[in-house]
Amino acid sequence: MLETVVVSGCRRLSDRGLYAVAQCCPELRRLEVAGCYNISNEAVFEVVSHCPNLEHLDLSGCSKVNCISLTREVSLKLSPMHGQQVSIRYLDMTDCFALEDEGLHTIAAHCTQLTHLYLRRCVRLTDEALRYLVLYCPGLRELSVSDCRFVSDFGLREIAKLEGRLRYLSVAHCGRITDVGVRYVAKYCGRLRYLNARGCEGLTDHGLGHLARNCPKLKSLDVGKCPLVSDAGLELLALNCFSLKRLSLKSCESVTGRGLQVLAANCFDLQLLNVQDCDVPLEALRFIKRHCKRCVIEHTNPAFF
């Protein structure tokens, strides 16, 4: 029996096509319909109702979809009927612009086994949605709410309740996030491995300090376009996060060669460093290359090659 269907980018695919998939593929485990913008809630209902083993669902770019449940009532907030649950563990709803807090509440109540959830550019979501999510889906390991402009420090306080289970978090371009929210996550999510806070202009060296002291196993960090991040925060990272492999400081104008040299002298496993649009002297770039031989340096210094 067919277990995987990938039809991403098939823009003419409609609900009728997914009805056929639902009827003919009861053992389906993986479905990818990214960019199929004619798909609606009704088709998704048919799939999850007829494919009880579905674990991986990519709906990114399906702009009409704003709910996933085992009932036809989009607004139903009650628990699934007869204790039934949707078995989805991986869900990508990037660019599902119609998704609102109520819809995510319903999704969380029906998809309690979620471990990976991507909500990039779901611009109507607020902190309240994250409260529902953490309440119903305590097993979340990866979460992206990048470009969700209404998510703030209060939302990060809710996310922090995932504690040590959370490994990956992206809050890029969430302009309401500051050191306060990052401190919550750092304090309670000590096993965090990946954080993308690019464009969070309220993040400062104090926030990086909390992160460095509480998340020593951090492997990937993006704080590009955070103008208040400077050498002081960078040095705290260097002295605590020795496992760091990827770091983006793009457009962090307060970062200089001094902080980068401390980083290179302590984080030998660094594999990717982005210092584009930073005022980094040639000597510092050469120092980094000598100490981190496997590191790819993305820069805008024409003298370094």
C-alpha atoms as a PDB file:
ATOM      1  CA  MET A   1       0.000   0.000   0.000  1.00  0.00           C
ATOM      2  CA  LEU A   2       1.162   3.521  -0.798  1.00  0.00           C
ATOM      3  CA  GLU A   3       2.579   5.273   2.290  1.00  0.00           C
ATOM      4  CA  THR A   4       4.075   8.472   0.795  1.00  0.00           C
ATOM      5  CA  VAL A   5       2.496  11.035  -1.530  1.00  0.00           C
ATOM      6  CA  VAL A   6       4.456  14.131  -2.588  1.00  0.00           C
ATOM      7  CA  VAL A   7       2.612  16.540  -4.884  1.00  0.00           C
ATOM      8  CA  SER A   8       4.110  19.822  -3.714  1.00  0.00           C
ATOM      9  CA  GLY A   9       3.884  22.627  -6.251  1.00  0.00           C
ATOM     10  CA  CYS A  10       0.962  21.088  -8.141  1.00  0.00           C
ATOM     11  CA  ARG A  11      -1.046  24.284  -8.158  1.00  0.00           C
ATOM     12  CA  ARG A  12      -4.003  22.819 -10.003  1.00  0.00           C
ATOM     13  CA  LEU A  13      -4.500  20.134  -7.375  1.00  0.00           C
ATOM     14  CA  SER A  14      -7.877  20.627  -5.711  1.00  0.00           C
ATOM     15  CA  ASP A  15      -9.893  19.026  -2.939  1.00  0.00           C
ATOM     16  CA  ARG A  16     -11.099  16.356  -5.376  1.00  0.00           C
ATOM     17  CA  GLY A  17      -7.549  15.115  -5.786  1.00  0.00           C
ATOM     18  CA  LEU A  18      -7.036  14.829  -2.038  1.00  0.00           C
ATOM     19  CA  TYR A  19     -10.373  13.057  -1.667  1.00  0.00           C
ATOM     20  CA  ALA A  20      -9.007  10.392  -4.006  1.00  0.00           C
ATOM     21  CA  VAL A  21      -5.796  10.132  -1.982  1.00  0.00           C
ATOM     22  CA  ALA A  22      -7.801   9.760   1.223  1.00  0.00           C
ATOM     23  CA  GLN A  23      -9.974   7.009  -0.237  1.00  0.00           C
ATOM     24  CA  CYS A  24      -7.236   5.056  -2.005  1.00  0.00           C
ATOM     25  CA  CYS A  25      -4.321   5.338   0.456  1.00  0.00           C
ATOM     26  CA  PRO A  26      -5.555   4.320   3.916  1.00  0.00           C
ATOM     27  CA  GLU A  27      -1.983   3.407   4.984  1.00  0.00           C
ATOM     28  CA  LEU A  28      -0.635   6.871   4.124  1.00  0.00           C
ATOM     29  CA  ARG A  29       2.108   8.070   6.480  1.00  0.00           C
ATOM     30  CA  ARG A  30       3.551  11.080   4.654  1.00  0.00           C
ATOM     31  CA  LEU A  31       1.735  13.714   2.589  1.00  0.00           C
ATOM     32  CA  GLU A  32       3.320  16.818   1.079  1.00  0.00           C
ATOM     33  CA  VAL A  33       1.072  19.315  -0.698  1.00  0.00           C
ATOM     34  CA  ALA A  34       3.163  22.476  -0.255  1.00  0.00           C
ATOM     35  CA  GLY A  35       2.068  25.287  -2.549  1.00  0.00           C
ATOM     36  CA  CYS A  36      -1.227  23.631  -3.480  1.00  0.00           C
ATOM     37  CA  TYR A  37      -3.233  26.721  -2.640  1.00  0.00           C
ATOM     38  CA  ASN A  38      -6.595  25.343  -3.776  1.00  0.00           C
ATOM     39  CA  ILE A  39      -6.666  22.817  -0.930  1.00  0.00           C
ATOM     40  CA  SER A  40      -9.219  23.568   1.802  1.00  0.00           C
ATOM     41  CA  ASN A  41     -10.042  22.392   5.326  1.00  0.00           C
ATOM     42  CA  GLU A  42     -12.558  19.925   3.906  1.00  0.00           C
ATOM     43  CA  ALA A  43      -9.893  18.017   1.990  1.00  0.00           C
ATOM     44  CA  VAL A  44      -7.582  17.926   5.008  1.00  0.00           C
ATOM     45  CA  PHE A  45     -10.469  16.573   7.097  1.00  0.00           C
ATOM     46  CA  GLU A  46     -10.960  13.746   4.603  1.00  0.00           C
ATOM     47  CA  VAL A  47      -7.270  12.830   4.722  1.00  0.00           C
ATOM     48  CA  VAL A  48      -6.892  12.761   8.505  1.00  0.00           C
ATOM     49  CA  SER A  49     -10.199  10.904   8.868  1.00  0.00           C
ATOM     50  CA  HIS A  50      -9.320   8.145   6.402  1.00  0.00           C
ATOM     51  CA  CYS A  51      -5.551   7.883   7.005  1.00  0.00           C
ATOM     52  CA  PRO A  52      -5.094   7.090  10.713  1.00  0.00           C
ATOM     53  CA  ASN A  53      -1.348   6.420  10.316  1.00  0.00           C
ATOM     54  CA  LEU A  54      -0.512   9.848   8.870  1.00  0.00           C
ATOM     55  CA  GLU A  55       2.555  11.205  10.684  1.00  0.00           C
ATOM     56  CA  HIS A  56       4.059  13.825   8.338  1.00  0.00           C
ATOM     57  CA  LEU A  57       1.943  16.576   6.760  1.00  0.00           C
ATOM     58  CA  ASP A  58       3.315  19.527   4.790  1.00  0.00           C
ATOM     59  CA  LEU A  59       0.648  22.152   4.099  1.00  0.00           C
ATOM     60  CA  SER A  60       3.005  25.091   3.612  1.00  0.00           C
ATOM     61  CA  GLY A  61       1.549  27.650   1.245  1.00  0.00           C
ATOM     62  CA  CYS A  62      -1.971  26.188   1.466  1.00  0.00           C
ATOM     63  CA  SER A  63      -3.414  29.576   2.291  1.00  0.00           C
ATOM     64  CA  LYS A  64      -7.028  28.393   2.615  1.00  0.00           C
ATOM     65  CA  VAL A  65      -6.272  25.889   5.367  1.00  0.00           C
ATOM     66  CA  ASN A  66      -6.819  27.147   8.898  1.00  0.00           C
ATOM     67  CA  CYS A  67      -7.765  24.002  10.803  1.00  0.00           C
ATOM     68  CA  ILE A  68      -7.009  20.283  11.147  1.00  0.00           C
ATOM     69  CA  SER A  69      -9.440  18.125  13.088  1.00  0.00           C
ATOM     70  CA  LEU A  70     -11.560  14.979  13.090  1.00  0.00           C
ATOM     71  CA  THR A  71     -14.750  17.033  12.941  1.00  0.00           C
ATOM     72  CA  ARG A  72     -16.171  19.137  10.164  1.00  0.00           C
ATOM     73  CA  GLU A  73     -16.761  22.054  12.520  1.00  0.00           C
ATOM     74  CA  VAL A  74     -13.719  24.299  12.140  1.00  0.00           C
ATOM     75  CA  SER A  75     -14.511  26.221  15.309  1.00  0.00           C
ATOM     76  CA  LEU A  76     -14.964  23.154  17.539  1.00  0.00           C
ATOM     77  CA  LYS A  77     -12.669  23.517  20.538  1.00  0.00           C
ATOM     78  CA  LEU A  78     -13.716  20.381  22.394  1.00  0.00           C
ATOM     79  CA  SER A  79     -11.566  17.279  22.634  1.00  0.00           C
ATOM     80  CA  PRO A  80     -11.770  14.849  19.697  1.00  0.00           C
ATOM     81  CA  MET A  81     -14.816  12.605  19.628  1.00  0.00           C
ATOM     82  CA  HIS A  82     -14.497   9.198  21.312  1.00  0.00           C
ATOM     83  CA  GLY A  83     -10.935   9.983  22.338  1.00  0.00           C
ATOM     84  CA  GLN A  84      -9.684   9.816  18.753  1.00  0.00           C
ATOM     85  CA  GLN A  85      -6.482  11.654  17.923  1.00  0.00           C
ATOM     86  CA  VAL A  86      -4.747  12.661  14.717  1.00  0.00           C
ATOM     87  CA  SER A  87      -1.413  10.818  14.649  1.00  0.00           C
ATOM     88  CA  ILE A  88       0.537  13.654  12.973  1.00  0.00           C
ATOM     89  CA  ARG A  89       3.953  14.304  14.497  1.00  0.00           C
ATOM     90  CA  TYR A  90       5.415  16.627  11.842  1.00  0.00           C
ATOM     91  CA  LEU A  91       3.295  19.540  10.613  1.00  0.00           C
ATOM     92  CA  ASP A  92       4.396  22.423   8.396  1.00  0.00           C
ATOM     93  CA  MET A  93       1.866  25.249   8.018  1.00  0.00           C
ATOM     94  CA  THR A  94       4.281  27.911   6.805  1.00  0.00           C
ATOM     95  CA  ASP A  95       2.438  30.677   4.916  1.00  0.00           C
ATOM     96  CA  CYS A  96      -0.995  29.435   5.970  1.00  0.00           C
ATOM     97  CA  PHE A  97      -2.081  33.046   6.325  1.00  0.00           C
ATOM     98  CA  ALA A  98      -5.658  32.229   7.370  1.00  0.00           C
ATOM     99  CA  LEU A  99      -4.578  30.359  10.503  1.00  0.00           C
ATOM    100  CA  GLU A 100      -5.726  32.107  13.675  1.00  0.00           C
ATOM    101  CA  ASP A 101      -5.558  31.329  17.396  1.00  0.00           C
ATOM    102  CA  GLU A 102      -8.846  29.432  17.360  1.00  0.00           C
ATOM    103  CA  GLY A 103      -7.688  27.212  14.514  1.00  0.00           C
ATOM    104  CA  LEU A 104      -4.396  26.415  16.232  1.00  0.00           C
ATOM    105  CA  HIS A 105      -6.334  25.626  19.418  1.00  0.00           C
ATOM    106  CA  THR A 106      -8.317  23.011  17.489  1.00  0.00           C
ATOM    107  CA  ILE A 107      -5.193  21.652  15.796  1.00  0.00           C
ATOM    108  CA  ALA A 108      -3.397  21.294  19.124  1.00  0.00           C
ATOM    109  CA  ALA A 109      -6.385  19.555  20.730  1.00  0.00           C
ATOM    110  CA  HIS A 110      -6.554  16.982  17.925  1.00  0.00           C
ATOM    111  CA  CYS A 111      -2.820  16.581  17.183  1.00  0.00           C
ATOM    112  CA  THR A 112      -1.411  16.018  20.655  1.00  0.00           C
ATOM    113  CA  GLN A 113       1.484  13.889  19.381  1.00  0.00           C
ATOM    114  CA  LEU A 114       3.127  16.782  17.531  1.00  0.00           C
ATOM    115  CA  THR A 115       6.909  16.956  17.864  1.00  0.00           C
ATOM    116  CA  HIS A 116       7.754  19.262  14.925  1.00  0.00           C
ATOM    117  CA  LEU A 117       5.625  22.310  14.096  1.00  0.00           C
ATOM    118  CA  TYR A 118       6.422  25.128  11.674  1.00  0.00           C
ATOM    119  CA  LEU A 119       4.182  28.205  11.630  1.00  0.00           C
ATOM    120  CA  ARG A 120       6.363  30.668   9.735  1.00  0.00           C
ATOM    121  CA  ARG A 121       4.510  33.762   8.550  1.00  0.00           C
ATOM    122  CA  CYS A 122       1.202  32.714  10.108  1.00  0.00           C
ATOM    123  CA  VAL A 123       0.766  36.390  10.806  1.00  0.00           C
ATOM    124  CA  ARG A 124      -2.553  36.249  12.677  1.00  0.00           C
ATOM    125  CA  LEU A 125      -1.281  34.115  15.548  1.00  0.00           C
ATOM    126  CA  THR A 126      -0.779  35.644  18.987  1.00  0.00           C
ATOM    127  CA  ASP A 127       0.677  34.585  22.333  1.00  0.00           C
ATOM    128  CA  GLU A 128      -2.662  32.981  23.217  1.00  0.00           C
ATOM    129  CA  ALA A 129      -2.153  30.405  20.462  1.00  0.00           C
ATOM    130  CA  LEU A 130       1.141  29.347  22.019  1.00  0.00           C
ATOM    131  CA  ARG A 131      -0.579  28.765  25.349  1.00  0.00           C
ATOM    132  CA  TYR A 132      -2.923  26.252  23.711  1.00  0.00           C
ATOM    133  CA  LEU A 133      -0.038  24.629  21.909  1.00  0.00           C
ATOM    134  CA  VAL A 134       2.035  23.972  25.015  1.00  0.00           C
ATOM    135  CA  LEU A 135      -1.036  22.784  26.930  1.00  0.00           C
ATOM    136  CA  TYR A 136      -2.012  20.099  24.412  1.00  0.00           C
ATOM    137  CA  CYS A 137       1.342  19.249  22.775  1.00  0.00           C
ATOM    138  CA  PRO A 138       3.902  18.863  25.570  1.00  0.00           C
ATOM    139  CA  GLY A 139       6.153  16.699  23.380  1.00  0.00           C
ATOM    140  CA  LEU A 140       7.118  19.489  20.961  1.00  0.00           C
ATOM    141  CA  ARG A 141      10.818  19.411  20.100  1.00  0.00           C
ATOM    142  CA  GLU A 142      10.928  21.861  17.189  1.00  0.00           C
ATOM    143  CA  LEU A 143       8.865  25.024  16.802  1.00  0.00           C
ATOM    144  CA  SER A 144       9.037  27.936  14.379  1.00  0.00           C
ATOM    145  CA  VAL A 145       6.928  31.066  14.726  1.00  0.00           C
ATOM    146  CA  SER A 146       9.193  33.226  12.570  1.00  0.00           C
ATOM    147  CA  ASP A 147       7.596  36.412  11.247  1.00  0.00           C
ATOM    148  CA  CYS A 148       4.579  36.033  13.548  1.00  0.00           C
ATOM    149  CA  ARG A 149       4.535  39.689  14.473  1.00  0.00           C
ATOM    150  CA  PHE A 150       2.122  39.393  17.408  1.00  0.00           C
ATOM    151  CA  VAL A 151       4.255  36.857  19.287  1.00  0.00           C
ATOM    152  CA  SER A 152       5.974  38.523  22.244  1.00  0.00           C
ATOM    153  CA  ASP A 153       7.837  37.754  25.460  1.00  0.00           C
ATOM    154  CA  PHE A 154       4.588  36.428  26.929  1.00  0.00           C
ATOM    155  CA  GLY A 155       4.502  33.815  24.175  1.00  0.00           C
ATOM    156  CA  LEU A 156       8.078  32.796  24.932  1.00  0.00           C
ATOM    157  CA  ARG A 157       7.117  32.388  28.575  1.00  0.00           C
ATOM    158  CA  GLU A 158       4.547  29.813  27.430  1.00  0.00           C
ATOM    159  CA  ILE A 159       7.043  28.093  25.123  1.00  0.00           C
ATOM    160  CA  ALA A 160       9.490  27.827  28.023  1.00  0.00           C
ATOM    161  CA  LYS A 161       7.037  25.412  29.675  1.00  0.00           C
ATOM    162  CA  LEU A 162       8.198  22.791  27.158  1.00  0.00           C
ATOM    163  CA  GLU A 163      11.385  22.752  29.232  1.00  0.00           C
ATOM    164  CA  GLY A 164      14.083  20.243  28.299  1.00  0.00           C
ATOM    165  CA  ARG A 165      12.111  18.721  25.438  1.00  0.00           C
ATOM    166  CA  LEU A 166      12.575  21.774  23.211  1.00  0.00           C
ATOM    167  CA  ARG A 167      15.588  21.512  20.902  1.00  0.00           C
ATOM    168  CA  TYR A 168      14.809  23.944  18.052  1.00  0.00           C
ATOM    169  CA  LEU A 169      13.167  27.357  18.258  1.00  0.00           C
ATOM    170  CA  SER A 170      12.825  30.031  15.596  1.00  0.00           C
ATOM    171  CA  VAL A 171      11.401  33.435  16.480  1.00  0.00           C
ATOM    172  CA  ALA A 172      13.074  35.352  13.658  1.00  0.00           C
ATOM    173  CA  HIS A 173      11.629  38.811  12.984  1.00  0.00           C
ATOM    174  CA  CYS A 174       9.267  38.646  15.957  1.00  0.00           C
ATOM    175  CA  GLY A 175       9.799  42.292  16.813  1.00  0.00           C
ATOM    176  CA  ARG A 176       8.093  42.149  20.213  1.00  0.00           C
ATOM    177  CA  ILE A 177      10.621  39.724  21.670  1.00  0.00           C
ATOM    178  CA  THR A 178      13.285  41.054  24.033  1.00  0.00           C
ATOM    179  CA  ASP A 179      15.808  39.771  26.574  1.00  0.00           C
ATOM    180  CA  VAL A 180      12.907  38.996  28.919  1.00  0.00           C
ATOM    181  CA  GLY A 181      11.471  36.299  26.658  1.00  0.00           C
ATOM    182  CA  VAL A 182      14.876  34.852  25.805  1.00  0.00           C
ATOM    183  CA  ARG A 183      15.641  34.634  29.526  1.00  0.00           C
ATOM    184  CA  TYR A 184      12.525  32.470  30.068  1.00  0.00           C
ATOM    185  CA  VAL A 185      13.560  30.082  27.303  1.00  0.00           C
ATOM    186  CA  ALA A 186      17.184  29.952  28.430  1.00  0.00           C
ATOM    187  CA  LYS A 187      16.238  29.269  32.044  1.00  0.00           C
ATOM    188  CA  TYR A 188      13.862  26.374  31.397  1.00  0.00           C
ATOM    189  CA  CYS A 189      14.967  24.938  28.029  1.00  0.00           C
ATOM    190  CA  GLY A 190      18.545  24.032  28.847  1.00  0.00           C
ATOM    191  CA  ARG A 191      18.773  21.399  26.108  1.00  0.00           C
ATOM    192  CA  LEU A 192      18.113  23.890  23.325  1.00  0.00           C
ATOM    193  CA  ARG A 193      20.368  23.243  20.325  1.00  0.00           C
ATOM    194  CA  TYR A 194      19.113  25.775  17.752  1.00  0.00           C
ATOM    195  CA  LEU A 195      17.822  29.319  18.167  1.00  0.00           C
ATOM    196  CA  ASN A 196      16.983  31.752  15.389  1.00  0.00           C
ATOM    197  CA  ALA A 197      16.336  35.233  16.768  1.00  0.00           C
ATOM    198  CA  ARG A 198      17.306  37.167  13.645  1.00  0.00           C
ATOM    199  CA  GLY A 199      15.734  40.591  13.522  1.00  0.00           C
ATOM    200  CA  CYS A 200      14.654  40.584  17.183  1.00  0.00           C
ATOM    201  CA  GLU A 201      15.938  44.091  17.740  1.00  0.00           C
ATOM    202  CA  GLY A 202      15.128  44.061  21.466  1.00  0.00           C
ATOM    203  CA  LEU A 203      17.694  41.321  22.090  1.00  0.00           C
ATOM    204  CA  THR A 204      20.891  42.543  23.769  1.00  0.00           C
ATOM    205  CA  ASP A 205      24.058  41.148  25.325  1.00  0.00           C
ATOM    206  CA  HIS A 206      22.086  40.460  28.511  1.00  0.00           C
ATOM    207  CA  GLY A 207      19.844  38.041  26.627  1.00  0.00           C
ATOM    208  CA  LEU A 208      22.860  36.338  25.071  1.00  0.00           C
ATOM    209  CA  GLY A 209      24.357  36.028  28.543  1.00  0.00           C
ATOM    210  CA  HIS A 210      21.309  34.132  29.826  1.00  0.00           C
ATOM    211  CA  LEU A 211      21.438  31.913  26.763  1.00  0.00           C
ATOM    212  CA  ALA A 212      25.161  31.215  27.100  1.00  0.00           C
ATOM    213  CA  ARG A 213      25.021  30.333  30.788  1.00  0.00           C
ATOM    214  CA  ASN A 214      21.929  28.124  30.607  1.00  0.00           C
ATOM    215  CA  CYS A 215      22.201  26.478  27.165  1.00  0.00           C
ATOM    216  CA  PRO A 216      25.831  25.325  26.941  1.00  0.00           C
ATOM    217  CA  LYS A 217      25.025  22.682  24.287  1.00  0.00           C
ATOM    218  CA  LEU A 218      23.813  25.281  21.791  1.00  0.00           C
ATOM    219  CA  LYS A 219      25.003  24.371  18.291  1.00  0.00           C
ATOM    220  CA  SER A 220      23.373  26.961  16.027  1.00  0.00           C
ATOM    221  CA  LEU A 221      22.505  30.588  16.751  1.00  0.00           C
ATOM    222  CA  ASP A 222      21.274  33.375  14.487  1.00  0.00           C
ATOM    223  CA  VAL A 223      21.215  36.866  15.995  1.00  0.00           C
ATOM    224  CA  GLY A 224      21.691  38.719  12.728  1.00  0.00           C
ATOM    225  CA  LYS A 225      20.172  42.196  12.522  1.00  0.00           C
ATOM    226  CA  CYS A 226      20.150  42.512  16.320  1.00  0.00           C
ATOM    227  CA  PRO A 227      21.877  45.907  16.608  1.00  0.00           C
ATOM    228  CA  LEU A 228      22.281  45.750  20.405  1.00  0.00           C
ATOM    229  CA  VAL A 229      24.400  42.574  20.295  1.00  0.00           C
ATOM    230  CA  SER A 230      28.084  43.410  20.745  1.00  0.00           C
ATOM    231  CA  ASP A 231      31.443  41.886  21.648  1.00  0.00           C
ATOM    232  CA  ALA A 232      30.367  41.513  25.284  1.00  0.00           C
ATOM    233  CA  GLY A 233      27.594  39.070  24.385  1.00  0.00           C
ATOM    234  CA  LEU A 234      29.814  37.298  21.907  1.00  0.00           C
ATOM    235  CA  GLU A 235      32.474  36.711  24.552  1.00  0.00           C
ATOM    236  CA  LEU A 236      29.901  35.180  26.909  1.00  0.00           C
ATOM    237  CA  LEU A 237      28.901  32.767  24.144  1.00  0.00           C
ATOM    238  CA  ALA A 238      32.531  31.911  23.468  1.00  0.00           C
ATOM    239  CA  LEU A 239      33.248  31.124  27.119  1.00  0.00           C
ATOM    240  CA  ASN A 240      30.204  28.887  27.614  1.00  0.00           C
ATOM    241  CA  CYS A 241      29.006  27.392  24.317  1.00  0.00           C
ATOM    242  CA  PHE A 242      32.028  25.400  23.173  1.00  0.00           C
ATOM    243  CA  SER A 243      29.905  23.167  20.906  1.00  0.00           C
ATOM    244  CA  LEU A 244      28.755  26.067  18.726  1.00  0.00           C
ATOM    245  CA  LYS A 245      28.933  25.145  15.032  1.00  0.00           C
ATOM    246  CA  ARG A 246      26.915  27.835  13.244  1.00  0.00           C
ATOM    247  CA  LEU A 247      26.657  31.510  14.146  1.00  0.00           C
ATOM    248  CA  SER A 248      25.133  34.390  12.203  1.00  0.00           C
ATOM    249  CA  LEU A 249      25.966  37.943  13.213  1.00  0.00           C
ATOM    250  CA  LYS A 250      24.935  39.527   9.939  1.00  0.00           C
ATOM    251  CA  SER A 251      24.476  43.302  10.260  1.00  0.00           C
ATOM    252  CA  CYS A 252      25.432  43.305  13.964  1.00  0.00           C
ATOM    253  CA  GLU A 253      27.270  46.595  13.653  1.00  0.00           C
ATOM    254  CA  SER A 254      28.531  46.597  17.256  1.00  0.00           C
ATOM    255  CA  VAL A 255      30.504  43.365  16.774  1.00  0.00           C
ATOM    256  CA  THR A 256      34.231  43.873  16.169  1.00  0.00           C
ATOM    257  CA  GLY A 257      37.307  41.764  15.643  1.00  0.00           C
ATOM    258  CA  ARG A 258      37.956  41.549  19.392  1.00  0.00           C
ATOM    259  CA  GLY A 259      34.814  39.559  20.138  1.00  0.00           C
ATOM    260  CA  LEU A 260      35.294  37.340  17.106  1.00  0.00           C
ATOM    261  CA  GLN A 261      38.842  36.464  18.126  1.00  0.00           C
ATOM    262  CA  VAL A 262      37.643  35.337  21.557  1.00  0.00           C
ATOM    263  CA  LEU A 263      35.017  33.237  19.790  1.00  0.00           C
ATOM    264  CA  ALA A 264      37.553  31.597  17.478  1.00  0.00           C
ATOM    265  CA  ALA A 265      39.930  30.873  20.359  1.00  0.00           C
ATOM    266  CA  ASN A 266      37.252  28.890  22.221  1.00  0.00           C
ATOM    267  CA  CYS A 267      34.819  27.442  19.675  1.00  0.00           C
ATOM    268  CA  PHE A 268      37.096  25.245  17.571  1.00  0.00           C
ATOM    269  CA  ASP A 269      34.192  23.312  16.025  1.00  0.00           C
ATOM    270  CA  LEU A 270      32.747  26.390  14.341  1.00  0.00           C
ATOM    271  CA  GLN A 271      31.729  25.456  10.788  1.00  0.00           C
ATOM    272  CA  LEU A 272      29.827  28.521   9.573  1.00  0.00           C
ATOM    273  CA  LEU A 273      30.191  32.161  10.591  1.00  0.00           C
ATOM    274  CA  ASN A 274      28.219  34.968   8.949  1.00  0.00           C
ATOM    275  CA  VAL A 275      29.687  38.426   9.566  1.00  0.00           C
ATOM    276  CA  GLN A 276      28.318  40.115   6.462  1.00  0.00           C
ATOM    277  CA  ASP A 277      27.826  43.857   6.890  1.00  0.00           C
ATOM    278  CA  CYS A 278      29.910  43.838  10.079  1.00  0.00           C
ATOM    279  CA  ASP A 279      32.992  46.018  10.480  1.00  0.00           C
ATOM    280  CA  VAL A 280      35.478  43.166  10.890  1.00  0.00           C
ATOM    281  CA  PRO A 281      39.146  43.874  10.094  1.00  0.00           C
ATOM    282  CA  LEU A 282      41.158  41.610   7.848  1.00  0.00           C
ATOM    283  CA  GLU A 283      43.403  40.472  10.723  1.00  0.00           C
ATOM    284  CA  ALA A 284      40.420  39.157  12.685  1.00  0.00           C
ATOM    285  CA  LEU A 285      39.139  37.157   9.713  1.00  0.00           C
ATOM    286  CA  ARG A 286      42.562  35.578   9.276  1.00  0.00           C
ATOM    287  CA  PHE A 287      42.708  34.775  13.005  1.00  0.00           C
ATOM    288  CA  ILE A 288      39.362  32.986  12.782  1.00  0.00           C
ATOM    289  CA  LYS A 289      40.509  30.970   9.791  1.00  0.00           C
ATOM    290  CA  ARG A 290      43.689  29.875  11.564  1.00  0.00           C
ATOM    291  CA  HIS A 291      41.867  28.653  14.659  1.00  0.00           C
ATOM    292  CA  CYS A 292      38.719  27.264  13.015  1.00  0.00           C
ATOM    293  CA  LYS A 293      40.103  25.607   9.921  1.00  0.00           C
ATOM    294  CA  ARG A 294      36.813  24.030   8.833  1.00  0.00           C
ATOM    295  CA  CYS A 295      34.853  27.249   9.231  1.00  0.00           C
ATOM    296  CA  VAL A 296      33.197  28.845   6.212  1.00  0.00           C
ATOM    297  CA  ILE A 297      33.187  32.603   6.748  1.00  0.00           C
ATOM    298  CA  GLU A 298      30.499  34.643   5.001  1.00  0.00           C
ATOM    299  CA  HIS A 299      31.725  38.238   4.924  1.00  0.00           C
ATOM    300  CA  THR A 300      31.774  41.483   2.948  1.00  0.00           C
ATOM    301  CA  ASN A 301      35.472  42.321   3.261  1.00  0.00           C
ATOM    302  CA  PRO A 302      36.832  42.411  -0.313  1.00  0.00           C
ATOM    303  CA  ALA A 303      40.415  41.949   0.915  1.00  0.00           C
ATOM    304  CA  PHE A 304      39.716  38.524   2.459  1.00  0.00           C
ATOM    305  CA  PHE A 305      39.362  35.488   0.241  1.00  0.00           C
END
